[in-house]
Structures are given as C-alpha cells and as structure tokens.
Amino acid sequence: MQQMMQTGRVPGCGGLLAIVGVVALSALVAGSHSRAHDAPSGWSYPQNCCSGQDCDEIPASAVTAIGDGYHIELGPDQHIILTQIGRGFSEDIAASDPRIKDSPDGAYHICLAGGIEELGQASGSFVRMICFFRPPPLF
C-alpha cells in the first residue's frame, strides 16, 4: 500500500497490463491475417492458392459450364484484384485442370494473381488464375 501511495501505481500491475496488451495485439494481428485467407463462410483457402487477399467468392452468374469445363467472366467489381486494376477477367478452364478445387461451402471462388501491387502500375492489367473453387459435382 505504501508503494501505491508513493508511485500512484499498484505493484506488479505494469507487467500485467503489458502482457494483456501484447496478447490483445497478437489476437488482433492473427485475426486479421486469418481473415485474409478465409472465405466469407469461414473455411480457409489453401496456402498454395492464396497469399493474403487474392481469393474471393464470385457470383454463380460469372461461371458458365462449357463442354468439358467452365468459362469464367468477371467484372472489375467482382474481385479485389480486379477492383485494384479497374478491369475484368475472362478465362476458359478445362474440367481436368489441377487448379480446379471442390468448394467446401458450395459457392464459386477464384484466386487471382497480378494487379498493381504484384506487377506494378504499368503492367498491372495482367491477371492469372491460381485456383478456381466450384461446387462439388453431384455424381
């Protein structure tokens, strides 16, 4: 009590507050990092498909089944990387392509690489598909 009167602090509380602060900051950083790799429904994108913010859920209307594969047509506002560079994306992908994965939540998702941060402003319009998640086949 005497120490509290002299210093205005409770003995040992400074260390406790520092520990609480470090734990809270660690949780915040870990939480924001995991959200960058998580789909909106909560499952985690595989590390080999995602490096932070390059995976997004896309609308089913952006995907068309064609022959033995898919045609994907995205507008500039339908993926974070496309929004950064201000352009759309279009690609056909064969059903046998190893970049195709089953989607755990039954929605379509795509992981893209490129854009302003990766390639620079001058060549920022180049975008490539890393992974494409589709609802699992029914049979």
Protein backbone atom coordinates (compact mmCIF):
# COMPACT_ATOMS: atom_id res chain seq x y z
CA MET A 1 0.00 0.00 0.00
CA GLN A 2 2.87 2.33 0.86
CA GLN A 3 4.36 1.81 -2.65
CA MET A 4 0.99 2.64 -4.20
CA MET A 5 0.85 5.88 -2.22
CA GLN A 6 4.36 6.89 -3.32
CA THR A 7 4.15 5.96 -7.01
CA GLY A 8 0.42 6.10 -7.69
CA ARG A 9 0.57 2.57 -9.15
CA VAL A 10 -0.37 -0.85 -7.86
CA PRO A 11 2.79 -3.00 -7.58
CA GLY A 12 3.05 -5.57 -10.38
CA CYS A 13 0.21 -4.12 -12.49
CA GLY A 14 2.51 -2.59 -15.11
CA GLY A 15 3.73 -6.04 -16.12
CA LEU A 16 0.20 -7.41 -16.16
CA LEU A 17 -1.04 -4.56 -18.34
CA ALA A 18 1.89 -5.06 -20.73
CA ILE A 19 1.07 -8.77 -21.02
CA VAL A 20 -2.62 -8.06 -21.61
CA GLY A 21 -1.67 -5.51 -24.29
CA VAL A 22 0.66 -7.94 -26.08
CA VAL A 23 -1.98 -10.71 -26.01
CA ALA A 24 -4.66 -8.36 -27.37
CA LEU A 25 -2.38 -7.10 -30.15
CA SER A 26 -1.37 -10.66 -31.07
CA ALA A 27 -5.02 -11.71 -31.30
CA LEU A 28 -5.81 -8.72 -33.50
CA VAL A 29 -2.91 -9.43 -35.87
CA ALA A 30 -3.65 -13.17 -36.00
CA GLY A 31 -7.34 -12.49 -36.56
CA SER A 32 -6.76 -10.10 -39.43
CA HIS A 33 -4.25 -12.47 -41.06
CA SER A 34 -6.59 -15.45 -40.89
CA ARG A 35 -9.49 -13.45 -42.34
CA ALA A 36 -7.37 -12.62 -45.38
CA HIS A 37 -7.15 -16.34 -46.14
CA ASP A 38 -10.74 -17.22 -45.24
CA ALA A 39 -13.80 -17.41 -47.42
CA PRO A 40 -16.82 -15.38 -46.27
CA SER A 41 -18.41 -18.60 -44.97
CA GLY A 42 -15.35 -19.28 -42.78
CA TRP A 43 -13.33 -22.04 -44.47
CA SER A 44 -9.66 -21.33 -45.20
CA TYR A 45 -8.27 -21.03 -48.71
CA PRO A 46 -5.27 -23.34 -49.21
CA GLN A 47 -1.89 -21.59 -48.90
CA ASN A 48 -0.89 -22.69 -52.41
CA CYS A 49 -3.90 -20.74 -53.77
CA CYS A 50 -3.79 -17.61 -51.67
CA SER A 51 -1.26 -15.10 -50.46
CA GLY A 52 -3.40 -12.77 -48.47
CA GLN A 53 -6.11 -11.09 -50.47
CA ASP A 54 -6.17 -12.76 -53.84
CA CYS A 55 -9.10 -15.15 -53.27
CA ASP A 56 -12.72 -14.04 -53.42
CA GLU A 57 -16.15 -15.61 -53.66
CA ILE A 58 -17.65 -14.90 -57.06
CA PRO A 59 -21.28 -14.98 -58.19
CA ALA A 60 -22.59 -18.13 -59.86
CA SER A 61 -23.69 -15.91 -62.75
CA ALA A 62 -19.98 -15.33 -63.57
CA VAL A 63 -19.47 -19.05 -64.30
CA THR A 64 -20.82 -20.95 -67.31
CA ALA A 65 -20.38 -24.67 -67.91
CA ILE A 66 -18.92 -25.20 -71.39
CA GLY A 67 -18.22 -28.60 -72.92
CA ASP A 68 -15.74 -30.19 -70.55
CA GLY A 69 -15.01 -27.20 -68.36
CA TYR A 70 -16.02 -23.70 -67.35
CA HIS A 71 -16.00 -20.18 -68.72
CA ILE A 72 -15.40 -17.52 -66.05
CA GLU A 73 -16.30 -13.90 -66.81
CA LEU A 74 -15.77 -11.35 -64.03
CA GLY A 75 -16.40 -7.62 -63.99
CA PRO A 76 -13.96 -5.18 -62.39
CA ASP A 77 -16.04 -5.03 -59.21
CA GLN A 78 -16.26 -8.80 -58.68
CA HIS A 79 -12.79 -9.49 -57.23
CA ILE A 80 -10.41 -7.44 -55.08
CA ILE A 81 -7.53 -7.57 -57.59
CA LEU A 82 -9.81 -6.64 -60.48
CA THR A 83 -11.09 -3.68 -58.48
CA GLN A 84 -7.48 -2.53 -57.93
CA ILE A 85 -6.67 -2.52 -61.63
CA GLY A 86 -10.11 -1.46 -62.87
CA ARG A 87 -10.71 -4.21 -65.40
CA GLY A 88 -12.48 -7.55 -65.77
CA PHE A 89 -11.22 -11.09 -66.19
CA SER A 90 -12.19 -13.87 -68.60
CA GLU A 91 -10.83 -17.39 -68.91
CA ASP A 92 -11.90 -20.87 -70.01
CA ILE A 93 -10.69 -23.73 -67.82
CA ALA A 94 -10.87 -27.45 -68.62
CA ALA A 95 -12.56 -29.71 -66.05
CA SER A 96 -9.32 -31.70 -65.79
CA ASP A 97 -7.24 -28.62 -64.88
CA PRO A 98 -5.49 -29.14 -61.50
CA ARG A 99 -6.34 -25.56 -60.50
CA ILE A 100 -9.98 -26.63 -60.07
CA LYS A 101 -10.91 -27.50 -56.48
CA ASP A 102 -14.15 -28.52 -54.80
CA SER A 103 -15.67 -25.66 -52.81
CA PRO A 104 -16.38 -26.59 -49.17
CA ASP A 105 -19.33 -24.19 -48.97
CA GLY A 106 -20.88 -24.96 -52.37
CA ALA A 107 -20.18 -21.47 -53.74
CA TYR A 108 -17.80 -20.39 -56.50
CA HIS A 109 -14.48 -18.80 -55.51
CA ILE A 110 -11.45 -17.76 -57.53
CA CYS A 111 -7.87 -16.90 -56.57
CA LEU A 112 -6.13 -14.50 -58.93
CA ALA A 113 -2.57 -13.18 -59.06
CA GLY A 114 -1.39 -9.98 -60.62
CA GLY A 115 -2.60 -6.46 -60.35
CA ILE A 116 -0.93 -3.26 -59.29
CA GLU A 117 0.87 -4.49 -56.16
CA GLU A 118 2.45 -7.56 -57.74
CA LEU A 119 3.28 -6.35 -61.22
CA GLY A 120 3.47 -2.56 -60.99
CA GLN A 121 1.21 0.16 -62.34
CA ALA A 122 2.42 -0.07 -65.94
CA SER A 123 1.78 -3.79 -66.34
CA GLY A 124 -0.94 -4.07 -63.73
CA SER A 125 -3.55 -5.28 -66.19
CA PHE A 126 -2.05 -8.79 -66.35
CA VAL A 127 -4.00 -11.21 -64.15
CA ARG A 128 -3.75 -15.00 -63.97
CA MET A 129 -5.89 -17.60 -62.21
CA ILE A 130 -4.23 -19.60 -59.43
CA CYS A 131 -7.21 -21.67 -58.21
CA PHE A 132 -10.90 -22.00 -59.02
CA PHE A 133 -13.33 -23.46 -56.48
CA ARG A 134 -16.59 -24.85 -57.76
CA PRO A 135 -19.46 -26.67 -56.05
CA PRO A 136 -18.64 -30.40 -55.90
CA PRO A 137 -20.15 -32.43 -58.77
CA LEU A 138 -23.37 -34.24 -57.87
CA PHE A 139 -22.16 -37.55 -59.33
